[in-house]
């Protein structure tokens, strides 16, 4: 896994754990990445930890699942 991708996935994990949700815009603002890259990162996180987040269709935010387990401590 490339370092930059790992850092973005770590941020997703952190935001879900501490704040309970994450959206593309947060990744875009923090890392200065494009919308498509943020979307791919969220999908990559879901592949890495499929039971950690659920997409809320109305808000377009990923919400922390009840059985959430940190990937990175």
C-alpha atoms as a PDB file:
ATOM      1  CA  UNK A   1       0.000   0.000   0.000  1.00  0.00           C
ATOM      2  CA  UNK A   2       1.326   3.409  -0.907  1.00  0.00           C
ATOM      3  CA  UNK A   3       2.151   5.780   1.935  1.00  0.00           C
ATOM      4  CA  UNK A   4      -0.244   8.529   0.778  1.00  0.00           C
ATOM      5  CA  UNK A   5      -3.166   6.107   0.520  1.00  0.00           C
ATOM      6  CA  UNK A   6      -2.388   4.661   3.931  1.00  0.00           C
ATOM      7  CA  UNK A   7      -2.428   8.141   5.468  1.00  0.00           C
ATOM      8  CA  UNK A   8      -5.835   8.873   3.946  1.00  0.00           C
ATOM      9  CA  UNK A   9      -7.209   5.535   5.157  1.00  0.00           C
ATOM     10  CA  UNK A  10      -5.824   6.238   8.611  1.00  0.00           C
ATOM     11  CA  UNK A  11      -7.690   9.553   8.667  1.00  0.00           C
ATOM     12  CA  UNK A  12     -10.937   7.807   7.693  1.00  0.00           C
ATOM     13  CA  UNK A  13     -10.406   5.315  10.515  1.00  0.00           C
ATOM     14  CA  UNK A  14      -9.655   8.131  12.974  1.00  0.00           C
ATOM     15  CA  UNK A  15     -12.658  10.241  12.002  1.00  0.00           C
ATOM     16  CA  UNK A  16     -15.035   7.294  12.220  1.00  0.00           C
ATOM     17  CA  UNK A  17     -13.688   6.313  15.625  1.00  0.00           C
ATOM     18  CA  UNK A  18     -13.626   9.793  17.187  1.00  0.00           C
ATOM     19  CA  UNK A  19     -16.453  11.630  15.426  1.00  0.00           C
ATOM     20  CA  UNK A  20     -18.695   8.826  14.218  1.00  0.00           C
ATOM     21  CA  UNK A  21     -18.772   9.781  10.548  1.00  0.00           C
ATOM     22  CA  UNK A  22     -16.711  10.851   7.544  1.00  0.00           C
ATOM     23  CA  UNK A  23     -17.449  12.329   4.118  1.00  0.00           C
ATOM     24  CA  UNK A  24     -15.480  12.917   0.934  1.00  0.00           C
ATOM     25  CA  UNK A  25     -15.256  16.653   1.554  1.00  0.00           C
ATOM     26  CA  UNK A  26     -13.195  16.125   4.704  1.00  0.00           C
ATOM     27  CA  UNK A  27     -10.619  14.088   2.804  1.00  0.00           C
ATOM     28  CA  UNK A  28     -10.615  16.613  -0.039  1.00  0.00           C
ATOM     29  CA  UNK A  29     -10.048  19.535   2.328  1.00  0.00           C
ATOM     30  CA  UNK A  30      -7.398  17.850   4.470  1.00  0.00           C
ATOM     31  CA  UNK A  31      -5.321  16.295   1.690  1.00  0.00           C
ATOM     32  CA  UNK A  32      -6.143  18.594  -1.224  1.00  0.00           C
ATOM     33  CA  UNK A  33      -7.317  15.679  -3.335  1.00  0.00           C
ATOM     34  CA  UNK A  34     -10.023  15.506  -5.995  1.00  0.00           C
ATOM     35  CA  UNK A  35     -13.511  14.118  -5.434  1.00  0.00           C
ATOM     36  CA  UNK A  36     -12.787  10.953  -7.430  1.00  0.00           C
ATOM     37  CA  UNK A  37      -9.734  10.169  -5.292  1.00  0.00           C
ATOM     38  CA  UNK A  38     -11.714  10.689  -2.082  1.00  0.00           C
ATOM     39  CA  UNK A  39     -14.422   8.362  -3.393  1.00  0.00           C
ATOM     40  CA  UNK A  40     -11.846   5.666  -4.222  1.00  0.00           C
ATOM     41  CA  UNK A  41     -10.296   6.062  -0.763  1.00  0.00           C
ATOM     42  CA  UNK A  42     -13.636   5.551   0.965  1.00  0.00           C
ATOM     43  CA  UNK A  43     -14.264   2.467  -1.166  1.00  0.00           C
ATOM     44  CA  UNK A  44     -10.765   1.173  -0.341  1.00  0.00           C
ATOM     45  CA  UNK A  45     -11.492   1.645   3.365  1.00  0.00           C
ATOM     46  CA  UNK A  46     -14.778  -0.272   2.990  1.00  0.00           C
ATOM     47  CA  UNK A  47     -12.863  -3.128   1.318  1.00  0.00           C
ATOM     48  CA  UNK A  48     -10.264  -3.102   4.095  1.00  0.00           C
ATOM     49  CA  UNK A  49     -12.840  -2.959   6.901  1.00  0.00           C
ATOM     50  CA  UNK A  50     -16.237  -3.863   5.402  1.00  0.00           C
ATOM     51  CA  UNK A  51     -18.102  -3.843   8.725  1.00  0.00           C
ATOM     52  CA  UNK A  52     -16.847  -0.498  10.014  1.00  0.00           C
ATOM     53  CA  UNK A  53     -18.982   2.033   8.140  1.00  0.00           C
ATOM     54  CA  UNK A  54     -22.399   2.369   6.551  1.00  0.00           C
ATOM     55  CA  UNK A  55     -23.275   4.949   3.906  1.00  0.00           C
ATOM     56  CA  UNK A  56     -26.120   7.266   4.865  1.00  0.00           C
ATOM     57  CA  UNK A  57     -27.698   7.954   1.464  1.00  0.00           C
ATOM     58  CA  UNK A  58     -29.437  11.173   2.499  1.00  0.00           C
ATOM     59  CA  UNK A  59     -26.312  12.880   3.880  1.00  0.00           C
ATOM     60  CA  UNK A  60     -23.705  11.067   1.717  1.00  0.00           C
ATOM     61  CA  UNK A  61     -21.669  10.444   4.877  1.00  0.00           C
ATOM     62  CA  UNK A  62     -20.232   7.172   6.093  1.00  0.00           C
ATOM     63  CA  UNK A  63     -21.469   6.489   9.615  1.00  0.00           C
ATOM     64  CA  UNK A  64     -19.611   4.378  12.171  1.00  0.00           C
ATOM     65  CA  UNK A  65     -21.156   0.914  12.404  1.00  0.00           C
ATOM     66  CA  UNK A  66     -22.132  -0.632  15.727  1.00  0.00           C
ATOM     67  CA  UNK A  67     -19.453  -3.321  15.414  1.00  0.00           C
ATOM     68  CA  UNK A  68     -16.704  -0.834  14.445  1.00  0.00           C
ATOM     69  CA  UNK A  69     -13.131  -1.948  15.149  1.00  0.00           C
ATOM     70  CA  UNK A  70     -10.147   0.317  14.566  1.00  0.00           C
ATOM     71  CA  UNK A  71      -7.847  -0.785  11.774  1.00  0.00           C
ATOM     72  CA  UNK A  72      -5.026   1.424  13.108  1.00  0.00           C
ATOM     73  CA  UNK A  73      -4.580   2.171  16.798  1.00  0.00           C
END
